[in-house]
PDB file of N, CA and C in Angstrom:
ATOM      1  N   MET A   1     -62.234  73.867   1.576  1.00  0.00           N
ATOM      2  CA  MET A   1     -61.497  72.668   1.915  1.00  0.00           C
ATOM      3  C   MET A   1     -60.271  73.001   2.779  1.00  0.00           C
ATOM      4  N   THR A   2     -59.560  74.056   2.408  1.00  0.00           N
ATOM      5  CA  THR A   2     -58.357  74.399   3.174  1.00  0.00           C
ATOM      6  C   THR A   2     -58.703  74.873   4.578  1.00  0.00           C
ATOM      7  N   THR A   3     -59.864  75.480   4.752  1.00  0.00           N
ATOM      8  CA  THR A   3     -60.246  75.919   6.103  1.00  0.00           C
ATOM      9  C   THR A   3     -60.496  74.720   7.007  1.00  0.00           C
ATOM     10  N   LEU A   4     -61.047  73.637   6.451  1.00  0.00           N
ATOM     11  CA  LEU A   4     -61.248  72.420   7.229  1.00  0.00           C
ATOM     12  C   LEU A   4     -59.911  71.805   7.638  1.00  0.00           C
ATOM     13  N   VAL A   5     -58.972  71.821   6.733  1.00  0.00           N
ATOM     14  CA  VAL A   5     -57.647  71.263   7.024  1.00  0.00           C
ATOM     15  C   VAL A   5     -56.957  72.086   8.109  1.00  0.00           C
ATOM     16  N   VAL A   6     -57.039  73.393   8.010  1.00  0.00           N
ATOM     17  CA  VAL A   6     -56.425  74.265   9.012  1.00  0.00           C
ATOM     18  C   VAL A   6     -57.101  74.084  10.365  1.00  0.00           C
ATOM     19  N   ALA A   7     -58.420  73.988  10.365  1.00  0.00           N
ATOM     20  CA  ALA A   7     -59.140  73.787  11.628  1.00  0.00           C
ATOM     21  C   ALA A   7     -58.769  72.448  12.252  1.00  0.00           C
ATOM     22  N   GLU A   8     -58.665  71.402  11.440  1.00  0.00           N
ATOM     23  CA  GLU A   8     -58.274  70.083  11.946  1.00  0.00           C
ATOM     24  C   GLU A   8     -56.855  70.102  12.508  1.00  0.00           C
ATOM     25  N   GLN A   9     -55.966  70.808  11.838  1.00  0.00           N
ATOM     26  CA  GLN A   9     -54.585  70.906  12.312  1.00  0.00           C
ATOM     27  C   GLN A   9     -54.520  71.655  13.648  1.00  0.00           C
ATOM     28  N   GLU A  10     -55.255  72.728  13.778  1.00  0.00           N
ATOM     29  CA  GLU A  10     -55.287  73.468  15.035  1.00  0.00           C
ATOM     30  C   GLU A  10     -55.873  72.610  16.164  1.00  0.00           C
ATOM     31  N   HIS A  11     -56.915  71.869  15.825  1.00  0.00           N
ATOM     32  CA  HIS A  11     -57.519  70.979  16.820  1.00  0.00           C
ATOM     33  C   HIS A  11     -56.514  69.902  17.262  1.00  0.00           C
ATOM     34  N   ARG A  12     -55.829  69.335  16.310  1.00  0.00           N
ATOM     35  CA  ARG A  12     -54.823  68.293  16.620  1.00  0.00           C
ATOM     36  C   ARG A  12     -53.718  68.858  17.501  1.00  0.00           C
ATOM     37  N   HIS A  13     -53.240  70.044  17.203  1.00  0.00           N
ATOM     38  CA  HIS A  13     -52.195  70.677  18.027  1.00  0.00           C
ATOM     39  C   HIS A  13     -52.706  70.938  19.444  1.00  0.00           C
ATOM     40  N   ALA A  14     -53.941  71.365  19.568  1.00  0.00           N
ATOM     41  CA  ALA A  14     -54.508  71.618  20.894  1.00  0.00           C
ATOM     42  C   ALA A  14     -54.602  70.324  21.699  1.00  0.00           C
ATOM     43  N   ILE A  15     -55.028  69.238  21.064  1.00  0.00           N
ATOM     44  CA  ILE A  15     -55.120  67.940  21.744  1.00  0.00           C
ATOM     45  C   ILE A  15     -53.727  67.457  22.153  1.00  0.00           C
ATOM     46  N   GLU A  16     -52.748  67.602  21.285  1.00  0.00           N
ATOM     47  CA  GLU A  16     -51.383  67.171  21.611  1.00  0.00           C
ATOM     48  C   GLU A  16     -50.800  67.996  22.750  1.00  0.00           C
ATOM     49  N   ASP A  17     -51.115  69.285  22.784  1.00  0.00           N
ATOM     50  CA  ASP A  17     -50.642  70.133  23.887  1.00  0.00           C
ATOM     51  C   ASP A  17     -51.241  69.690  25.216  1.00  0.00           C
ATOM     52  N   LYS A  18     -52.535  69.367  25.223  1.00  0.00           N
ATOM     53  CA  LYS A  18     -53.181  68.886  26.447  1.00  0.00           C
ATOM     54  C   LYS A  18     -52.576  67.561  26.904  1.00  0.00           C
ATOM     55  N   LEU A  19     -52.298  66.680  25.956  1.00  0.00           N
ATOM     56  CA  LEU A  19     -51.692  65.392  26.277  1.00  0.00           C
ATOM     57  C   LEU A  19     -50.307  65.583  26.877  1.00  0.00           C
ATOM     58  N   LEU A  20     -49.521  66.460  26.300  1.00  0.00           N
ATOM     59  CA  LEU A  20     -48.182  66.726  26.807  1.00  0.00           C
ATOM     60  C   LEU A  20     -48.222  67.332  28.210  1.00  0.00           C
ATOM     61  N   GLU A  21     -49.154  68.242  28.442  1.00  0.00           N
ATOM     62  CA  GLU A  21     -49.299  68.827  29.782  1.00  0.00           C
ATOM     63  C   GLU A  21     -49.677  67.767  30.811  1.00  0.00           C
ATOM     64  N   GLY A  22     -50.532  66.836  30.429  1.00  0.00           N
ATOM     65  CA  GLY A  22     -50.913  65.752  31.328  1.00  0.00           C
ATOM     66  C   GLY A  22     -49.742  64.837  31.651  1.00  0.00           C
ATOM     67  N   ILE A  23     -48.950  64.511  30.650  1.00  0.00           N
ATOM     68  CA  ILE A  23     -47.781  63.651  30.862  1.00  0.00           C
ATOM     69  C   ILE A  23     -46.779  64.343  31.780  1.00  0.00           C
ATOM     70  N   LEU A  24     -46.550  65.618  31.560  1.00  0.00           N
ATOM     71  CA  LEU A  24     -45.605  66.352  32.403  1.00  0.00           C
ATOM     72  C   LEU A  24     -46.097  66.450  33.844  1.00  0.00           C
ATOM     73  N   ALA A  25     -47.403  66.575  34.041  1.00  0.00           N
ATOM     74  CA  ALA A  25     -47.958  66.614  35.398  1.00  0.00           C
ATOM     75  C   ALA A  25     -47.752  65.275  36.099  1.00  0.00           C
ATOM     76  N   ILE A  26     -47.939  64.175  35.381  1.00  0.00           N
ATOM     77  CA  ILE A  26     -47.728  62.849  35.962  1.00  0.00           C
ATOM     78  C   ILE A  26     -46.260  62.654  36.313  1.00  0.00           C
ATOM     79  N   VAL A  27     -45.365  63.089  35.457  1.00  0.00           N
ATOM     80  CA  VAL A  27     -43.930  62.958  35.717  1.00  0.00           C
ATOM     81  C   VAL A  27     -43.536  63.776  36.946  1.00  0.00           C
ATOM     82  N   ALA A  28     -44.046  64.997  37.043  1.00  0.00           N
ATOM     83  CA  ALA A  28     -43.718  65.844  38.192  1.00  0.00           C
ATOM     84  C   ALA A  28     -44.237  65.217  39.486  1.00  0.00           C
ATOM     85  N   ARG A  29     -45.427  64.640  39.444  1.00  0.00           N
ATOM     86  CA  ARG A  29     -45.979  63.987  40.630  1.00  0.00           C
ATOM     87  C   ARG A  29     -45.115  62.798  41.035  1.00  0.00           C
ATOM     88  N   GLY A  30     -44.685  62.005  40.074  1.00  0.00           N
ATOM     89  CA  GLY A  30     -43.828  60.862  40.364  1.00  0.00           C
ATOM     90  C   GLY A  30     -42.496  61.279  40.965  1.00  0.00           C
ATOM     91  N   GLN A  31     -41.938  62.375  40.475  1.00  0.00           N
ATOM     92  CA  GLN A  31     -40.674  62.866  41.034  1.00  0.00           C
ATOM     93  C   GLN A  31     -40.870  63.369  42.454  1.00  0.00           C
ATOM     94  N   ARG A  32     -41.996  64.000  42.742  1.00  0.00           N
ATOM     95  CA  ARG A  32     -42.260  64.442  44.121  1.00  0.00           C
ATOM     96  C   ARG A  32     -42.376  63.251  45.056  1.00  0.00           C
ATOM     97  N   PHE A  33     -43.100  62.219  44.620  1.00  0.00           N
ATOM     98  CA  PHE A  33     -43.234  61.031  45.464  1.00  0.00           C
ATOM     99  C   PHE A  33     -41.885  60.353  45.660  1.00  0.00           C
ATOM    100  N   GLY A  34     -41.063  60.305  44.625  1.00  0.00           N
ATOM    101  CA  GLY A  34     -39.725  59.733  44.753  1.00  0.00           C
ATOM    102  C   GLY A  34     -38.878  60.513  45.740  1.00  0.00           C
ATOM    103  N   LEU A  35     -39.004  61.831  45.729  1.00  0.00           N
ATOM    104  CA  LEU A  35     -38.267  62.661  46.681  1.00  0.00           C
ATOM    105  C   LEU A  35     -38.738  62.407  48.109  1.00  0.00           C
ATOM    106  N   ILE A  36     -40.054  62.285  48.287  1.00  0.00           N
ATOM    107  CA  ILE A  36     -40.596  62.018  49.621  1.00  0.00           C
ATOM    108  C   ILE A  36     -40.112  60.672  50.134  1.00  0.00           C
ATOM    109  N   ILE A  37     -40.144  59.648  49.284  1.00  0.00           N
ATOM    110  CA  ILE A  37     -39.686  58.323  49.693  1.00  0.00           C
ATOM    111  C   ILE A  37     -38.204  58.342  50.028  1.00  0.00           C
ATOM    112  N   ALA A  38     -37.397  59.029  49.229  1.00  0.00           N
ATOM    113  CA  ALA A  38     -35.961  59.110  49.487  1.00  0.00           C
ATOM    114  C   ALA A  38     -35.679  59.840  50.802  1.00  0.00           C
ATOM    115  N   CYS A  39     -36.385  60.925  51.060  1.00  0.00           N
ATOM    116  CA  CYS A  39     -36.180  61.669  52.313  1.00  0.00           C
ATOM    117  C   CYS A  39     -36.576  60.839  53.530  1.00  0.00           C
ATOM    118  N   CYS A  40     -37.674  60.091  53.412  1.00  0.00           N
ATOM    119  CA  CYS A  40     -38.083  59.212  54.516  1.00  0.00           C
ATOM    120  C   CYS A  40     -37.040  58.131  54.751  1.00  0.00           C
ATOM    121  N   GLY A  41     -36.505  57.575  53.686  1.00  0.00           N
ATOM    122  CA  GLY A  41     -35.463  56.559  53.821  1.00  0.00           C
ATOM    123  C   GLY A  41     -34.211  57.108  54.480  1.00  0.00           C
ATOM    124  N   LEU A  42     -33.827  58.315  54.104  1.00  0.00           N
ATOM    125  CA  LEU A  42     -32.647  58.926  54.730  1.00  0.00           C
ATOM    126  C   LEU A  42     -32.894  59.232  56.199  1.00  0.00           C
ATOM    127  N   LEU A  43     -34.099  59.639  56.529  1.00  0.00           N
ATOM    128  CA  LEU A  43     -34.439  59.891  57.932  1.00  0.00           C
ATOM    129  C   LEU A  43     -34.393  58.591  58.738  1.00  0.00           C
ATOM    130  N   ILE A  44     -34.926  57.521  58.188  1.00  0.00           N
ATOM    131  CA  ILE A  44     -34.872  56.227  58.859  1.00  0.00           C
ATOM    132  C   ILE A  44     -33.427  55.772  59.017  1.00  0.00           C
ATOM    133  N   ALA A  45     -32.601  55.971  57.988  1.00  0.00           N
ATOM    134  CA  ALA A  45     -31.191  55.608  58.075  1.00  0.00           C
ATOM    135  C   ALA A  45     -30.489  56.422  59.159  1.00  0.00           C
ATOM    136  N   LEU A  46     -30.833  57.682  59.286  1.00  0.00           N
ATOM    137  CA  LEU A  46     -30.244  58.519  60.327  1.00  0.00           C
ATOM    138  C   LEU A  46     -30.611  57.998  61.711  1.00  0.00           C
ATOM    139  N   VAL A  47     -31.874  57.652  61.890  1.00  0.00           N
ATOM    140  CA  VAL A  47     -32.324  57.127  63.179  1.00  0.00           C
ATOM    141  C   VAL A  47     -31.620  55.802  63.487  1.00  0.00           C
ATOM    142  N   LEU A  48     -31.507  54.935  62.486  1.00  0.00           N
ATOM    143  CA  LEU A  48     -30.812  53.663  62.697  1.00  0.00           C
ATOM    144  C   LEU A  48     -29.340  53.883  63.019  1.00  0.00           C
ATOM    145  N   GLY A  49     -28.721  54.839  62.362  1.00  0.00           N
ATOM    146  CA  GLY A  49     -27.317  55.136  62.630  1.00  0.00           C
ATOM    147  C   GLY A  49     -27.116  55.675  64.035  1.00  0.00           C
ATOM    148  N   ILE A  50     -27.998  56.539  64.473  1.00  0.00           N
ATOM    149  CA  ILE A  50     -27.902  57.088  65.830  1.00  0.00           C
ATOM    150  C   ILE A  50     -28.115  55.977  66.862  1.00  0.00           C
ATOM    151  N   ALA A  51     -28.988  55.008  66.535  1.00  0.00           N
ATOM    152  CA  ALA A  51     -29.273  53.908  67.453  1.00  0.00           C
ATOM    153  C   ALA A  51     -28.142  52.881  67.496  1.00  0.00           C
ATOM    154  N   GLY A  52     -27.130  53.051  66.655  1.00  0.00           N
ATOM    155  CA  GLY A  52     -25.984  52.149  66.675  1.00  0.00           C
ATOM    156  C   GLY A  52     -26.087  50.990  65.702  1.00  0.00           C
ATOM    157  N   MET A  53     -27.100  50.946  64.892  1.00  0.00           N
ATOM    158  CA  MET A  53     -27.266  49.875  63.901  1.00  0.00           C
ATOM    159  C   MET A  53     -26.704  50.346  62.564  1.00  0.00           C
ATOM    160  N   ARG A  54     -25.400  50.225  62.415  1.00  0.00           N
ATOM    161  CA  ARG A  54     -24.733  50.808  61.242  1.00  0.00           C
ATOM    162  C   ARG A  54     -25.039  50.070  59.951  1.00  0.00           C
ATOM    163  N   THR A  55     -25.044  48.733  59.993  1.00  0.00           N
ATOM    164  CA  THR A  55     -25.278  47.983  58.758  1.00  0.00           C
ATOM    165  C   THR A  55     -26.674  48.234  58.202  1.00  0.00           C
ATOM    166  N   PRO A  56     -27.742  48.126  58.997  1.00  0.00           N
ATOM    167  CA  PRO A  56     -29.067  48.450  58.436  1.00  0.00           C
ATOM    168  C   PRO A  56     -29.161  49.913  57.996  1.00  0.00           C
ATOM    169  N   ALA A  57     -28.478  50.799  58.708  1.00  0.00           N
ATOM    170  CA  ALA A  57     -28.499  52.211  58.324  1.00  0.00           C
ATOM    171  C   ALA A  57     -27.852  52.401  56.953  1.00  0.00           C
ATOM    172  N   CYS A  58     -26.757  51.701  56.703  1.00  0.00           N
ATOM    173  CA  CYS A  58     -26.094  51.805  55.391  1.00  0.00           C
ATOM    174  C   CYS A  58     -26.973  51.252  54.277  1.00  0.00           C
ATOM    175  N   VAL A  59     -27.626  50.123  54.553  1.00  0.00           N
ATOM    176  CA  VAL A  59     -28.487  49.510  53.534  1.00  0.00           C
ATOM    177  C   VAL A  59     -29.670  50.423  53.212  1.00  0.00           C
ATOM    178  N   VAL A  60     -30.337  50.905  54.246  1.00  0.00           N
ATOM    179  CA  VAL A  60     -31.510  51.769  54.035  1.00  0.00           C
ATOM    180  C   VAL A  60     -31.080  53.094  53.402  1.00  0.00           C
ATOM    181  N   GLY A  61     -29.971  53.665  53.869  1.00  0.00           N
ATOM    182  CA  GLY A  61     -29.501  54.939  53.325  1.00  0.00           C
ATOM    183  C   GLY A  61     -29.111  54.839  51.863  1.00  0.00           C
ATOM    184  N   SER A  62     -28.395  53.768  51.497  1.00  0.00           N
ATOM    185  CA  SER A  62     -28.006  53.624  50.093  1.00  0.00           C
ATOM    186  C   SER A  62     -29.226  53.361  49.213  1.00  0.00           C
ATOM    187  N   GLY A  63     -30.199  52.608  49.737  1.00  0.00           N
ATOM    188  CA  GLY A  63     -31.438  52.403  48.981  1.00  0.00           C
ATOM    189  C   GLY A  63     -32.205  53.694  48.776  1.00  0.00           C
ATOM    190  N   ALA A  64     -32.206  54.526  49.808  1.00  0.00           N
ATOM    191  CA  ALA A  64     -32.899  55.813  49.696  1.00  0.00           C
ATOM    192  C   ALA A  64     -32.210  56.717  48.677  1.00  0.00           C
ATOM    193  N   LEU A  65     -30.894  56.714  48.683  1.00  0.00           N
ATOM    194  CA  LEU A  65     -30.171  57.532  47.702  1.00  0.00           C
ATOM    195  C   LEU A  65     -30.426  57.043  46.281  1.00  0.00           C
ATOM    196  N   MET A  66     -30.419  55.725  46.101  1.00  0.00           N
ATOM    197  CA  MET A  66     -30.675  55.189  44.767  1.00  0.00           C
ATOM    198  C   MET A  66     -32.111  55.488  44.321  1.00  0.00           C
ATOM    199  N   THR A  67     -33.050  55.440  45.254  1.00  0.00           N
ATOM    200  CA  THR A  67     -34.435  55.785  44.916  1.00  0.00           C
ATOM    201  C   THR A  67     -34.531  57.237  44.456  1.00  0.00           C
ATOM    202  N   GLY A  68     -33.849  58.132  45.172  1.00  0.00           N
ATOM    203  CA  GLY A  68     -33.862  59.538  44.791  1.00  0.00           C
ATOM    204  C   GLY A  68     -33.242  59.770  43.429  1.00  0.00           C
ATOM    205  N   LEU A  69     -32.121  59.100  43.180  1.00  0.00           N
ATOM    206  CA  LEU A  69     -31.460  59.261  41.881  1.00  0.00           C
ATOM    207  C   LEU A  69     -32.295  58.659  40.757  1.00  0.00           C
ATOM    208  N   ARG A  70     -32.892  57.499  41.021  1.00  0.00           N
ATOM    209  CA  ARG A  70     -33.692  56.833  40.007  1.00  0.00           C
ATOM    210  C   ARG A  70     -34.933  57.644  39.657  1.00  0.00           C
ATOM    211  N   SER A  71     -35.553  58.248  40.664  1.00  0.00           N
ATOM    212  CA  SER A  71     -36.762  59.024  40.371  1.00  0.00           C
ATOM    213  C   SER A  71     -36.431  60.276  39.573  1.00  0.00           C
ATOM    214  N   ARG A  72     -35.242  60.818  39.748  1.00  0.00           N
ATOM    215  CA  ARG A  72     -34.852  61.983  38.964  1.00  0.00           C
ATOM    216  C   ARG A  72     -34.434  61.582  37.546  1.00  0.00           C
ATOM    217  N   ARG A  73     -33.738  60.449  37.403  1.00  0.00           N
ATOM    218  CA  ARG A  73     -33.229  60.053  36.100  1.00  0.00           C
ATOM    219  C   ARG A  73     -34.306  59.441  35.224  1.00  0.00           C
ATOM    220  N   TYR A  74     -35.067  58.489  35.762  1.00  0.00           N
ATOM    221  CA  TYR A  74     -36.027  57.753  34.941  1.00  0.00           C
ATOM    222  C   TYR A  74     -37.417  58.345  34.982  1.00  0.00           C
ATOM    223  N   GLY A  75     -37.615  59.408  35.751  1.00  0.00           N
ATOM    224  CA  GLY A  75     -38.924  60.029  35.839  1.00  0.00           C
ATOM    225  C   GLY A  75     -39.196  61.027  34.744  1.00  0.00           C
ATOM    226  N   ARG A  76     -38.241  61.253  33.866  1.00  0.00           N
ATOM    227  CA  ARG A  76     -38.401  62.246  32.802  1.00  0.00           C
ATOM    228  C   ARG A  76     -38.958  61.597  31.538  1.00  0.00           C
ATOM    229  N   PRO A  77     -39.748  62.310  30.794  1.00  0.00           N
ATOM    230  CA  PRO A  77     -40.219  61.755  29.519  1.00  0.00           C
ATOM    231  C   PRO A  77     -39.068  61.705  28.530  1.00  0.00           C
ATOM    232  N   GLN A  78     -39.094  60.724  27.673  1.00  0.00           N
ATOM    233  CA  GLN A  78     -38.002  60.518  26.700  1.00  0.00           C
ATOM    234  C   GLN A  78     -38.152  61.429  25.520  1.00  0.00           C
TER     235      GLN A  78
END
């Protein structure tokens, strides 16, 4: 009886480890996409700023910064 309990516990731990690895992979992917979106936004803001459109550049740049910060802060598992 105890061998069945030990085997079940080991199986449960293995399943939980796989689940945790999957969640961490999804979180890492989301953070990469957030970084890509933030970098694209900053590049667009730079182009707008060089073109003399300061107000749209500020709006896009601040949105890109907030996207980058949000993806780092809220992209982590609790």
